[in-house]
Amino acid sequence: MEHVERDASAKAARNIARAIGTPASLSAMIVCSASKRDFAAQVAAELSGDGIFAYTLGLAGDRDQAKWEPLKRMIGGIASTWALGFFISWQDSGFLFDVVGRPDTGIKIRCDHLYCDFCIRLPGLIRTASADPWELENFKGSLLKALADVPRFSQPEMEITTRAGTRVTLLPRKWNDSGGEVFTAPVEGLASGAIVVDGCAYSGPPKVPFALKLKGGQVANLDELEKTDDQQRMVLDDLTRDANARVLAELGIGVNPQAREDADLMEAEQARGTCHFGFGHNVEYGGTNASSYHFDLVVRRPTIKLGKRVIMKDGVLVNA
């Protein structure tokens, strides 16, 4: 087992180094939390093997934002010419979001050779990053092609159903591509139906699957969420952060065959055979809903229809 884990870690580090690419300056800075230092060193070694000078900087865990300023200025000064890699634990997420930003509310830094793990736990990082990049890109390409194959001058409605009881109709916009998912910002105000969360809510699968009922594109059954259930209470808190937090903001489809659907959210939403629904902010990737927050909930084994055509059946891409 230890040999298998070492092999996966080495493969993940190699894939990340290749994904970062080769900057014109042949220089890279790797910023890491203490818990990810050993893995960051593996990535740095892979970059060095490609002829790139890799400087690794470990965070000291200081929460004083004023002490981040010199590091922020240094990173900003080299971002246009160096490669940057961030391997950050949740304890240092404040630093990461302040320097790099968040994918759901906007990336602050502009760098052609940037890799960021966005605080995914180390085992999940190794699993997801060790997936065969060629197979992953081919699958993603097939999925995006199927999603884009719509009649000219027409955008058919999409329906998502699961055996657990999810049945949602929505109108997708343009599809976006990220490392572990493809996603869209559905047209606001049109989504209807019910989402039965059976895949992941924050830290893992819900203790009991629960339903969110959509009307006019937003959750309409807040009073039915069970406050004695920790996960449902967190969902209620997030849906009521502001007036737009309960709006359906995203539909994402996981594409990574190595990601585990029973892990925490950062990994589960990437798992092939799942899709996730996001709520709140979506302006940065094509929506119009501005909110102070964005969060996702995962469902398992979706069947996805675009118009009359089945794109995915029980989590499996049709004709893949």
C-alpha atoms as a PDB file:
ATOM      1  CA  MET A   1       0.000   0.000   0.000  1.00  0.00           C
ATOM      2  CA  GLU A   2       2.798   2.414   0.867  1.00  0.00           C
ATOM      3  CA  HIS A   3       4.420   1.744  -2.517  1.00  0.00           C
ATOM      4  CA  VAL A   4       1.101   2.492  -4.272  1.00  0.00           C
ATOM      5  CA  GLU A   5       0.744   5.766  -2.361  1.00  0.00           C
ATOM      6  CA  ARG A   6       4.313   6.808  -3.217  1.00  0.00           C
ATOM      7  CA  ASP A   7       3.684   6.003  -6.871  1.00  0.00           C
ATOM      8  CA  ALA A   8       0.468   8.050  -6.912  1.00  0.00           C
ATOM      9  CA  SER A   9       2.206  10.962  -5.179  1.00  0.00           C
ATOM     10  CA  ALA A  10       5.034  10.911  -7.709  1.00  0.00           C
ATOM     11  CA  LYS A  11       2.584  10.742 -10.607  1.00  0.00           C
ATOM     12  CA  ALA A  12       0.560  13.632  -9.173  1.00  0.00           C
ATOM     13  CA  ALA A  13       3.665  15.790  -8.715  1.00  0.00           C
ATOM     14  CA  ARG A  14       4.771  15.033 -12.262  1.00  0.00           C
ATOM     15  CA  ASN A  15       1.347  15.893 -13.712  1.00  0.00           C
ATOM     16  CA  ILE A  16       1.184  19.167 -11.784  1.00  0.00           C
ATOM     17  CA  ALA A  17       4.677  20.178 -12.914  1.00  0.00           C
ATOM     18  CA  ARG A  18       3.689  19.546 -16.529  1.00  0.00           C
ATOM     19  CA  ALA A  19       0.452  21.485 -16.032  1.00  0.00           C
ATOM     20  CA  ILE A  20       2.361  24.464 -14.650  1.00  0.00           C
ATOM     21  CA  GLY A  21       4.416  24.514 -17.812  1.00  0.00           C
ATOM     22  CA  THR A  22       7.654  26.274 -18.664  1.00  0.00           C
ATOM     23  CA  PRO A  23       7.791  30.048 -18.121  1.00  0.00           C
ATOM     24  CA  ALA A  24      10.082  32.147 -20.288  1.00  0.00           C
ATOM     25  CA  SER A  25      12.159  32.989 -17.216  1.00  0.00           C
ATOM     26  CA  LEU A  26      12.667  29.283 -16.387  1.00  0.00           C
ATOM     27  CA  SER A  27      11.840  30.160 -12.770  1.00  0.00           C
ATOM     28  CA  ALA A  28       9.066  29.056 -10.433  1.00  0.00           C
ATOM     29  CA  MET A  29       7.981  29.883  -6.898  1.00  0.00           C
ATOM     30  CA  ILE A  30       6.186  27.203  -4.899  1.00  0.00           C
ATOM     31  CA  VAL A  31       4.271  28.463  -1.847  1.00  0.00           C
ATOM     32  CA  CYS A  32       3.113  25.817   0.604  1.00  0.00           C
ATOM     33  CA  SER A  33       1.590  25.211   4.016  1.00  0.00           C
ATOM     34  CA  ALA A  34       3.516  23.082   6.481  1.00  0.00           C
ATOM     35  CA  SER A  35       1.253  20.050   6.004  1.00  0.00           C
ATOM     36  CA  LYS A  36       1.920  20.015   2.245  1.00  0.00           C
ATOM     37  CA  ARG A  37       5.640  20.811   2.321  1.00  0.00           C
ATOM     38  CA  ASP A  38       6.822  17.317   1.344  1.00  0.00           C
ATOM     39  CA  PHE A  39       4.485  17.138  -1.639  1.00  0.00           C
ATOM     40  CA  ALA A  40       5.410  20.678  -2.713  1.00  0.00           C
ATOM     41  CA  ALA A  41       9.042  19.565  -2.636  1.00  0.00           C
ATOM     42  CA  GLN A  42       8.160  16.734  -5.028  1.00  0.00           C
ATOM     43  CA  VAL A  43       6.601  19.219  -7.439  1.00  0.00           C
ATOM     44  CA  ALA A  44       9.645  21.476  -7.149  1.00  0.00           C
ATOM     45  CA  ALA A  45      11.910  18.509  -7.914  1.00  0.00           C
ATOM     46  CA  GLU A  46       9.886  17.705 -11.037  1.00  0.00           C
ATOM     47  CA  LEU A  47      10.167  21.314 -12.187  1.00  0.00           C
ATOM     48  CA  SER A  48      13.896  21.261 -11.553  1.00  0.00           C
ATOM     49  CA  GLY A  49      14.121  18.106 -13.647  1.00  0.00           C
ATOM     50  CA  ASP A  50      12.554  20.083 -16.484  1.00  0.00           C
ATOM     51  CA  GLY A  51      15.267  22.727 -16.192  1.00  0.00           C
ATOM     52  CA  ILE A  52      13.183  25.207 -14.182  1.00  0.00           C
ATOM     53  CA  PHE A  53      14.652  26.854 -11.099  1.00  0.00           C
ATOM     54  CA  ALA A  54      12.066  26.166  -8.372  1.00  0.00           C
ATOM     55  CA  TYR A  55      12.154  28.166  -5.147  1.00  0.00           C
ATOM     56  CA  THR A  56       9.951  26.780  -2.349  1.00  0.00           C
ATOM     57  CA  LEU A  57       8.559  29.098   0.303  1.00  0.00           C
ATOM     58  CA  GLY A  58       6.831  27.632   3.361  1.00  0.00           C
ATOM     59  CA  LEU A  59       4.148  29.635   5.158  1.00  0.00           C
ATOM     60  CA  ALA A  60       4.744  30.129   8.856  1.00  0.00           C
ATOM     61  CA  GLY A  61       1.049  29.983   9.750  1.00  0.00           C
ATOM     62  CA  ASP A  62       0.918  33.642  10.808  1.00  0.00           C
ATOM     63  CA  ARG A  63      -2.628  35.053  10.590  1.00  0.00           C
ATOM     64  CA  ASP A  64      -1.529  38.718  10.673  1.00  0.00           C
ATOM     65  CA  GLN A  65      -2.497  40.037   7.236  1.00  0.00           C
ATOM     66  CA  ALA A  66      -0.103  42.975   7.568  1.00  0.00           C
ATOM     67  CA  LYS A  67       2.774  40.483   7.509  1.00  0.00           C
ATOM     68  CA  TRP A  68       1.529  39.138   4.188  1.00  0.00           C
ATOM     69  CA  GLU A  69       2.127  42.421   2.381  1.00  0.00           C
ATOM     70  CA  PRO A  70       5.841  41.918   1.542  1.00  0.00           C
ATOM     71  CA  LEU A  71       5.111  38.412   0.241  1.00  0.00           C
ATOM     72  CA  LYS A  72       2.121  39.658  -1.752  1.00  0.00           C
ATOM     73  CA  ARG A  73       4.254  42.371  -3.350  1.00  0.00           C
ATOM     74  CA  MET A  74       6.971  39.869  -4.190  1.00  0.00           C
ATOM     75  CA  ILE A  75       4.497  37.443  -5.765  1.00  0.00           C
ATOM     76  CA  GLY A  76       2.844  40.260  -7.694  1.00  0.00           C
ATOM     77  CA  GLY A  77       6.228  41.391  -8.972  1.00  0.00           C
ATOM     78  CA  ILE A  78       7.187  38.010 -10.446  1.00  0.00           C
ATOM     79  CA  ALA A  79       3.753  36.755 -11.558  1.00  0.00           C
ATOM     80  CA  SER A  80       4.155  37.980 -15.136  1.00  0.00           C
ATOM     81  CA  THR A  81       7.422  36.115 -15.702  1.00  0.00           C
ATOM     82  CA  TRP A  82       7.676  33.249 -13.190  1.00  0.00           C
ATOM     83  CA  ALA A  83       5.551  30.144 -12.723  1.00  0.00           C
ATOM     84  CA  LEU A  84       3.598  30.016  -9.452  1.00  0.00           C
ATOM     85  CA  GLY A  85       2.357  27.019  -7.496  1.00  0.00           C
ATOM     86  CA  PHE A  86       0.225  27.160  -4.325  1.00  0.00           C
ATOM     87  CA  PHE A  87      -0.257  24.118  -2.074  1.00  0.00           C
ATOM     88  CA  ILE A  88      -2.253  25.450   0.836  1.00  0.00           C
ATOM     89  CA  SER A  89      -4.101  23.940   3.805  1.00  0.00           C
ATOM     90  CA  TRP A  90      -7.372  25.386   5.143  1.00  0.00           C
ATOM     91  CA  GLN A  91      -5.492  26.906   8.072  1.00  0.00           C
ATOM     92  CA  ASP A  92      -3.806  29.241   5.572  1.00  0.00           C
ATOM     93  CA  SER A  93      -6.833  29.790   3.330  1.00  0.00           C
ATOM     94  CA  GLY A  94      -7.039  33.460   4.340  1.00  0.00           C
ATOM     95  CA  PHE A  95      -3.625  34.048   2.787  1.00  0.00           C
ATOM     96  CA  LEU A  96      -4.548  32.131  -0.358  1.00  0.00           C
ATOM     97  CA  PHE A  97      -7.852  33.922  -0.949  1.00  0.00           C
ATOM     98  CA  ASP A  98      -6.243  37.286  -0.245  1.00  0.00           C
ATOM     99  CA  VAL A  99      -3.348  36.723  -2.670  1.00  0.00           C
ATOM    100  CA  VAL A 100      -4.807  34.470  -5.367  1.00  0.00           C
ATOM    101  CA  GLY A 101      -8.562  34.852  -4.946  1.00  0.00           C
ATOM    102  CA  ARG A 102     -11.252  32.217  -5.393  1.00  0.00           C
ATOM    103  CA  PRO A 103     -12.458  30.530  -8.589  1.00  0.00           C
ATOM    104  CA  ASP A 104     -16.090  31.385  -7.765  1.00  0.00           C
ATOM    105  CA  THR A 105     -15.538  35.065  -6.979  1.00  0.00           C
ATOM    106  CA  GLY A 106     -12.574  35.825  -9.225  1.00  0.00           C
ATOM    107  CA  ILE A 107      -8.842  35.121  -9.475  1.00  0.00           C
ATOM    108  CA  LYS A 108      -6.878  38.204  -8.460  1.00  0.00           C
ATOM    109  CA  ILE A 109      -3.484  37.224  -9.787  1.00  0.00           C
ATOM    110  CA  ARG A 110      -2.574  37.176 -13.460  1.00  0.00           C
ATOM    111  CA  CYS A 111      -0.048  34.482 -14.291  1.00  0.00           C
ATOM    112  CA  ASP A 112       0.305  32.346 -17.430  1.00  0.00           C
ATOM    113  CA  HIS A 113       1.848  29.471 -15.442  1.00  0.00           C
ATOM    114  CA  LEU A 114      -0.282  29.167 -12.316  1.00  0.00           C
ATOM    115  CA  TYR A 115      -1.304  26.087 -10.330  1.00  0.00           C
ATOM    116  CA  CYS A 116      -3.400  26.316  -7.178  1.00  0.00           C
ATOM    117  CA  ASP A 117      -4.901  23.423  -5.216  1.00  0.00           C
ATOM    118  CA  PHE A 118      -7.465  25.683  -3.470  1.00  0.00           C
ATOM    119  CA  CYS A 119      -7.032  23.949  -0.111  1.00  0.00           C
ATOM    120  CA  ILE A 120      -8.073  20.449  -1.164  1.00  0.00           C
ATOM    121  CA  ARG A 121      -6.861  17.931   1.410  1.00  0.00           C
ATOM    122  CA  LEU A 122      -3.567  16.285   0.549  1.00  0.00           C
ATOM    123  CA  PRO A 123      -4.934  12.748  -0.088  1.00  0.00           C
ATOM    124  CA  GLY A 124      -7.560  14.230  -2.411  1.00  0.00           C
ATOM    125  CA  LEU A 125      -4.953  16.362  -4.156  1.00  0.00           C
ATOM    126  CA  ILE A 126      -2.813  13.305  -4.828  1.00  0.00           C
ATOM    127  CA  ARG A 127      -5.769  11.241  -6.041  1.00  0.00           C
ATOM    128  CA  THR A 128      -7.169  13.879  -8.382  1.00  0.00           C
ATOM    129  CA  ALA A 129      -3.810  15.062  -9.731  1.00  0.00           C
ATOM    130  CA  SER A 130      -2.603  11.505 -10.419  1.00  0.00           C
ATOM    131  CA  ALA A 131      -5.357  10.912 -12.999  1.00  0.00           C
ATOM    132  CA  ASP A 132      -4.136  10.307 -16.544  1.00  0.00           C
ATOM    133  CA  PRO A 133      -4.164  13.844 -18.020  1.00  0.00           C
ATOM    134  CA  TRP A 134      -4.682  12.606 -21.579  1.00  0.00           C
ATOM    135  CA  GLU A 135      -7.679  10.450 -20.680  1.00  0.00           C
ATOM    136  CA  LEU A 136      -9.076  13.279 -18.560  1.00  0.00           C
ATOM    137  CA  GLU A 137      -8.820  15.837 -21.362  1.00  0.00           C
ATOM    138  CA  ASN A 138     -10.296  13.413 -23.922  1.00  0.00           C
ATOM    139  CA  PHE A 139     -13.278  12.693 -21.653  1.00  0.00           C
ATOM    140  CA  LYS A 140     -13.767  16.372 -20.950  1.00  0.00           C
ATOM    141  CA  GLY A 141     -13.587  17.158 -24.666  1.00  0.00           C
ATOM    142  CA  SER A 142     -16.234  14.522 -25.447  1.00  0.00           C
ATOM    143  CA  LEU A 143     -18.507  15.888 -22.732  1.00  0.00           C
ATOM    144  CA  LEU A 144     -18.120  19.501 -23.851  1.00  0.00           C
ATOM    145  CA  LYS A 145     -18.783  18.496 -27.456  1.00  0.00           C
ATOM    146  CA  ALA A 146     -21.992  16.744 -26.434  1.00  0.00           C
ATOM    147  CA  LEU A 147     -23.116  19.735 -24.381  1.00  0.00           C
ATOM    148  CA  ALA A 148     -22.407  22.126 -27.260  1.00  0.00           C
ATOM    149  CA  ASP A 149     -24.224  20.015 -29.861  1.00  0.00           C
ATOM    150  CA  VAL A 150     -27.492  21.958 -29.892  1.00  0.00           C
ATOM    151  CA  PRO A 151     -29.728  23.124 -32.740  1.00  0.00           C
ATOM    152  CA  ARG A 152     -28.661  26.384 -34.344  1.00  0.00           C
ATOM    153  CA  PHE A 153     -30.472  29.471 -33.027  1.00  0.00           C
ATOM    154  CA  SER A 154     -31.865  27.364 -30.180  1.00  0.00           C
ATOM    155  CA  GLN A 155     -30.854  26.607 -26.607  1.00  0.00           C
ATOM    156  CA  PRO A 156     -32.865  23.631 -25.356  1.00  0.00           C
ATOM    157  CA  GLU A 157     -33.799  23.188 -21.736  1.00  0.00           C
ATOM    158  CA  MET A 158     -31.725  20.815 -19.631  1.00  0.00           C
ATOM    159  CA  GLU A 159     -33.152  18.263 -17.203  1.00  0.00           C
ATOM    160  CA  ILE A 160     -31.162  16.583 -14.419  1.00  0.00           C
ATOM    161  CA  THR A 161     -32.626  13.593 -12.595  1.00  0.00           C
ATOM    162  CA  THR A 162     -31.287  11.011 -10.141  1.00  0.00           C
ATOM    163  CA  ARG A 163     -32.670   7.818  -8.658  1.00  0.00           C
ATOM    164  CA  ALA A 164     -32.564   9.522  -5.248  1.00  0.00           C
ATOM    165  CA  GLY A 165     -35.259  11.939  -6.392  1.00  0.00           C
ATOM    166  CA  THR A 166     -33.543  14.945  -7.977  1.00  0.00           C
ATOM    167  CA  ARG A 167     -35.523  16.410 -10.861  1.00  0.00           C
ATOM    168  CA  VAL A 168     -34.419  19.860 -11.994  1.00  0.00           C
ATOM    169  CA  THR A 169     -34.982  21.764 -15.218  1.00  0.00           C
ATOM    170  CA  LEU A 170     -32.835  24.760 -16.129  1.00  0.00           C
ATOM    171  CA  LEU A 171     -31.496  26.709 -19.081  1.00  0.00           C
ATOM    172  CA  PRO A 172     -27.687  26.489 -19.312  1.00  0.00           C
ATOM    173  CA  ARG A 173     -25.421  29.231 -20.570  1.00  0.00           C
ATOM    174  CA  LYS A 174     -21.953  28.772 -22.065  1.00  0.00           C
ATOM    175  CA  TRP A 175     -19.982  25.891 -20.533  1.00  0.00           C
ATOM    176  CA  ASN A 176     -16.710  26.587 -18.710  1.00  0.00           C
ATOM    177  CA  ASP A 177     -13.804  24.186 -18.289  1.00  0.00           C
ATOM    178  CA  SER A 178     -11.701  23.780 -15.158  1.00  0.00           C
ATOM    179  CA  GLY A 179      -9.370  21.027 -14.014  1.00  0.00           C
ATOM    180  CA  GLY A 180     -11.913  18.647 -12.505  1.00  0.00           C
ATOM    181  CA  GLU A 181     -15.266  19.790 -13.861  1.00  0.00           C
ATOM    182  CA  VAL A 182     -17.184  21.522 -16.611  1.00  0.00           C
ATOM    183  CA  PHE A 183     -19.751  24.024 -15.398  1.00  0.00           C
ATOM    184  CA  THR A 184     -22.285  26.616 -16.439  1.00  0.00           C
ATOM    185  CA  ALA A 185     -24.201  29.485 -14.866  1.00  0.00           C
ATOM    186  CA  PRO A 186     -27.871  28.640 -15.544  1.00  0.00           C
ATOM    187  CA  VAL A 187     -30.112  31.516 -16.572  1.00  0.00           C
ATOM    188  CA  GLU A 188     -31.376  33.026 -13.338  1.00  0.00           C
ATOM    189  CA  GLY A 189     -35.038  32.843 -12.433  1.00  0.00           C
ATOM    190  CA  LEU A 190     -35.896  29.840 -14.623  1.00  0.00           C
ATOM    191  CA  ALA A 191     -34.751  26.734 -12.738  1.00  0.00           C
ATOM    192  CA  SER A 192     -37.427  24.629 -11.090  1.00  0.00           C
ATOM    193  CA  GLY A 193     -37.828  21.242  -9.439  1.00  0.00           C
ATOM    194  CA  ALA A 194     -36.068  19.577  -6.520  1.00  0.00           C
ATOM    195  CA  ILE A 195     -32.468  18.723  -5.707  1.00  0.00           C
ATOM    196  CA  VAL A 196     -32.038  15.703  -3.440  1.00  0.00           C
ATOM    197  CA  VAL A 197     -28.538  15.996  -1.986  1.00  0.00           C
ATOM    198  CA  ASP A 198     -27.134  12.471  -1.678  1.00  0.00           C
ATOM    199  CA  GLY A 199     -23.505  12.964  -2.724  1.00  0.00           C
ATOM    200  CA  CYS A 200     -21.675  15.539  -0.624  1.00  0.00           C
ATOM    201  CA  ALA A 201     -22.525  18.412   1.681  1.00  0.00           C
ATOM    202  CA  TYR A 202     -19.320  20.149   2.824  1.00  0.00           C
ATOM    203  CA  SER A 203     -17.268  17.447   4.566  1.00  0.00           C
ATOM    204  CA  GLY A 204     -18.798  14.315   3.046  1.00  0.00           C
ATOM    205  CA  PRO A 205     -22.055  12.521   2.239  1.00  0.00           C
ATOM    206  CA  PRO A 206     -25.114  13.783   4.123  1.00  0.00           C
ATOM    207  CA  LYS A 207     -26.199  11.679   7.065  1.00  0.00           C
ATOM    208  CA  VAL A 208     -29.670  11.702   5.533  1.00  0.00           C
ATOM    209  CA  PRO A 209     -30.316  12.900   1.942  1.00  0.00           C
ATOM    210  CA  PHE A 210     -32.301  16.142   1.961  1.00  0.00           C
ATOM    211  CA  ALA A 211     -34.226  18.129  -0.629  1.00  0.00           C
ATOM    212  CA  LEU A 212     -33.969  21.702  -1.832  1.00  0.00           C
ATOM    213  CA  LYS A 213     -37.035  22.766  -3.807  1.00  0.00           C
ATOM    214  CA  LEU A 214     -36.514  25.328  -6.548  1.00  0.00           C
ATOM    215  CA  LYS A 215     -39.086  27.854  -7.662  1.00  0.00           C
ATOM    216  CA  GLY A 216     -38.268  30.773  -9.916  1.00  0.00           C
ATOM    217  CA  GLY A 217     -34.591  29.816  -9.836  1.00  0.00           C
ATOM    218  CA  GLN A 218     -34.113  29.884  -6.081  1.00  0.00           C
ATOM    219  CA  VAL A 219     -34.590  27.668  -3.043  1.00  0.00           C
ATOM    220  CA  ALA A 220     -38.155  27.983  -1.773  1.00  0.00           C
ATOM    221  CA  ASN A 221     -38.281  25.529   1.147  1.00  0.00           C
ATOM    222  CA  LEU A 222     -35.831  26.948   3.683  1.00  0.00           C
ATOM    223  CA  ASP A 223     -38.270  26.192   6.489  1.00  0.00           C
ATOM    224  CA  GLU A 224     -38.080  22.452   5.708  1.00  0.00           C
ATOM    225  CA  LEU A 225     -34.352  22.168   6.398  1.00  0.00           C
ATOM    226  CA  GLU A 226     -33.664  20.361   9.652  1.00  0.00           C
ATOM    227  CA  LYS A 227     -31.727  22.623  12.022  1.00  0.00           C
ATOM    228  CA  THR A 228     -30.733  19.712  14.281  1.00  0.00           C
ATOM    229  CA  ASP A 229     -28.761  18.202  11.381  1.00  0.00           C
ATOM    230  CA  ASP A 230     -25.330  19.881  11.180  1.00  0.00           C
ATOM    231  CA  GLN A 231     -25.066  19.742   7.395  1.00  0.00           C
ATOM    232  CA  GLN A 232     -28.585  21.021   6.758  1.00  0.00           C
ATOM    233  CA  ARG A 233     -28.084  23.810   9.289  1.00  0.00           C
ATOM    234  CA  MET A 234     -24.908  24.877   7.449  1.00  0.00           C
ATOM    235  CA  VAL A 235     -26.817  24.848   4.152  1.00  0.00           C
ATOM    236  CA  LEU A 236     -29.524  27.025   5.715  1.00  0.00           C
ATOM    237  CA  ASP A 237     -26.912  29.441   7.042  1.00  0.00           C
ATOM    238  CA  ASP A 238     -25.246  29.727   3.627  1.00  0.00           C
ATOM    239  CA  LEU A 239     -28.528  30.128   1.731  1.00  0.00           C
ATOM    240  CA  THR A 240     -29.490  33.055   3.956  1.00  0.00           C
ATOM    241  CA  ARG A 241     -26.186  34.979   3.953  1.00  0.00           C
ATOM    242  CA  ASP A 242     -27.792  37.627   1.761  1.00  0.00           C
ATOM    243  CA  ALA A 243     -30.803  38.110  -0.515  1.00  0.00           C
ATOM    244  CA  ASN A 244     -29.136  36.410  -3.508  1.00  0.00           C
ATOM    245  CA  ALA A 245     -27.438  33.517  -1.717  1.00  0.00           C
ATOM    246  CA  ARG A 246     -30.360  31.133  -2.353  1.00  0.00           C
ATOM    247  CA  VAL A 247     -30.310  31.622  -6.143  1.00  0.00           C
ATOM    248  CA  LEU A 248     -29.210  28.604  -8.225  1.00  0.00           C
ATOM    249  CA  ALA A 249     -25.930  29.859  -9.671  1.00  0.00           C
ATOM    250  CA  GLU A 250     -24.140  26.843 -11.132  1.00  0.00           C
ATOM    251  CA  LEU A 251     -24.484  23.376 -12.565  1.00  0.00           C
ATOM    252  CA  GLY A 252     -21.177  21.509 -12.613  1.00  0.00           C
ATOM    253  CA  ILE A 253     -20.350  18.024 -13.904  1.00  0.00           C
ATOM    254  CA  GLY A 254     -17.402  16.115 -12.404  1.00  0.00           C
ATOM    255  CA  VAL A 255     -14.924  14.574 -14.843  1.00  0.00           C
ATOM    256  CA  ASN A 256     -12.086  13.105 -12.759  1.00  0.00           C
ATOM    257  CA  PRO A 257     -12.091   9.268 -12.543  1.00  0.00           C
ATOM    258  CA  GLN A 258      -9.737   9.283  -9.555  1.00  0.00           C
ATOM    259  CA  ALA A 259     -11.774  11.656  -7.378  1.00  0.00           C
ATOM    260  CA  ARG A 260     -13.872  10.049  -4.653  1.00  0.00           C
ATOM    261  CA  GLU A 261     -17.535  11.003  -4.408  1.00  0.00           C
ATOM    262  CA  ASP A 262     -17.556  10.207  -0.676  1.00  0.00           C
ATOM    263  CA  ALA A 263     -14.733  12.644   0.127  1.00  0.00           C
ATOM    264  CA  ASP A 264     -15.118  16.278   1.149  1.00  0.00           C
ATOM    265  CA  LEU A 265     -16.516  18.818  -1.299  1.00  0.00           C
ATOM    266  CA  MET A 266     -13.301  19.954  -2.999  1.00  0.00           C
ATOM    267  CA  GLU A 267     -12.732  16.389  -4.171  1.00  0.00           C
ATOM    268  CA  ALA A 268     -16.299  15.056  -4.437  1.00  0.00           C
ATOM    269  CA  GLU A 269     -17.454  17.735  -6.880  1.00  0.00           C
ATOM    270  CA  GLN A 270     -14.731  16.593  -9.291  1.00  0.00           C
ATOM    271  CA  ALA A 271     -15.751  12.931  -9.188  1.00  0.00           C
ATOM    272  CA  ARG A 272     -16.826  11.431 -12.489  1.00  0.00           C
ATOM    273  CA  GLY A 273     -20.368  10.147 -12.132  1.00  0.00           C
ATOM    274  CA  THR A 274     -21.547  13.150 -10.108  1.00  0.00           C
ATOM    275  CA  CYS A 275     -22.848  16.623 -10.730  1.00  0.00           C
ATOM    276  CA  HIS A 276     -23.187  19.542  -8.358  1.00  0.00           C
ATOM    277  CA  PHE A 277     -25.435  22.532  -7.911  1.00  0.00           C
ATOM    278  CA  GLY A 278     -23.958  25.839  -6.771  1.00  0.00           C
ATOM    279  CA  PHE A 279     -25.774  28.695  -5.056  1.00  0.00           C
ATOM    280  CA  GLY A 280     -24.989  32.380  -4.695  1.00  0.00           C
ATOM    281  CA  HIS A 281     -22.378  34.291  -6.662  1.00  0.00           C
ATOM    282  CA  ASN A 282     -21.745  33.437 -10.330  1.00  0.00           C
ATOM    283  CA  VAL A 283     -20.808  36.694 -12.087  1.00  0.00           C
ATOM    284  CA  GLU A 284     -17.214  35.643 -12.868  1.00  0.00           C
ATOM    285  CA  TYR A 285     -18.225  32.714 -15.059  1.00  0.00           C
ATOM    286  CA  GLY A 286     -21.146  34.041 -17.027  1.00  0.00           C
ATOM    287  CA  GLY A 287     -24.013  34.663 -14.612  1.00  0.00           C
ATOM    288  CA  THR A 288     -25.662  37.809 -13.341  1.00  0.00           C
ATOM    289  CA  ASN A 289     -26.233  36.904  -9.686  1.00  0.00           C
ATOM    290  CA  ALA A 290     -24.032  38.868  -7.284  1.00  0.00           C
ATOM    291  CA  SER A 291     -23.785  37.499  -3.759  1.00  0.00           C
ATOM    292  CA  SER A 292     -21.318  37.544  -0.898  1.00  0.00           C
ATOM    293  CA  TYR A 293     -20.899  33.778  -1.087  1.00  0.00           C
ATOM    294  CA  HIS A 294     -20.944  30.674  -3.273  1.00  0.00           C
ATOM    295  CA  PHE A 295     -21.173  27.039  -2.234  1.00  0.00           C
ATOM    296  CA  ASP A 296     -21.897  23.693  -3.896  1.00  0.00           C
ATOM    297  CA  LEU A 297     -23.811  20.504  -3.113  1.00  0.00           C
ATOM    298  CA  VAL A 298     -23.193  17.188  -4.904  1.00  0.00           C
ATOM    299  CA  VAL A 299     -25.620  14.576  -6.231  1.00  0.00           C
ATOM    300  CA  ARG A 300     -24.736  11.074  -7.420  1.00  0.00           C
ATOM    301  CA  ARG A 301     -25.375   9.246 -10.673  1.00  0.00           C
ATOM    302  CA  PRO A 302     -27.218  11.975 -12.586  1.00  0.00           C
ATOM    303  CA  THR A 303     -29.084  11.449 -15.812  1.00  0.00           C
ATOM    304  CA  ILE A 304     -28.728  14.617 -17.875  1.00  0.00           C
ATOM    305  CA  LYS A 305     -30.913  15.434 -20.863  1.00  0.00           C
ATOM    306  CA  LEU A 306     -30.416  18.382 -23.194  1.00  0.00           C
ATOM    307  CA  GLY A 307     -33.688  18.841 -24.993  1.00  0.00           C
ATOM    308  CA  LYS A 308     -34.713  15.305 -25.974  1.00  0.00           C
ATOM    309  CA  ARG A 309     -31.140  13.989 -26.127  1.00  0.00           C
ATOM    310  CA  VAL A 310     -29.589  12.054 -23.235  1.00  0.00           C
ATOM    311  CA  ILE A 311     -26.053  13.309 -22.513  1.00  0.00           C
ATOM    312  CA  MET A 312     -25.398  11.218 -19.395  1.00  0.00           C
ATOM    313  CA  LYS A 313     -27.252   8.171 -18.038  1.00  0.00           C
ATOM    314  CA  ASP A 314     -26.885   7.326 -14.328  1.00  0.00           C
ATOM    315  CA  GLY A 315     -23.560   9.169 -14.236  1.00  0.00           C
ATOM    316  CA  VAL A 316     -22.124   7.582 -17.401  1.00  0.00           C
ATOM    317  CA  LEU A 317     -21.465   9.662 -20.522  1.00  0.00           C
ATOM    318  CA  VAL A 318     -23.575   8.293 -23.376  1.00  0.00           C
ATOM    319  CA  ASN A 319     -21.588   7.118 -26.418  1.00  0.00           C
ATOM    320  CA  ALA A 320     -18.287   8.044 -24.737  1.00  0.00           C
END
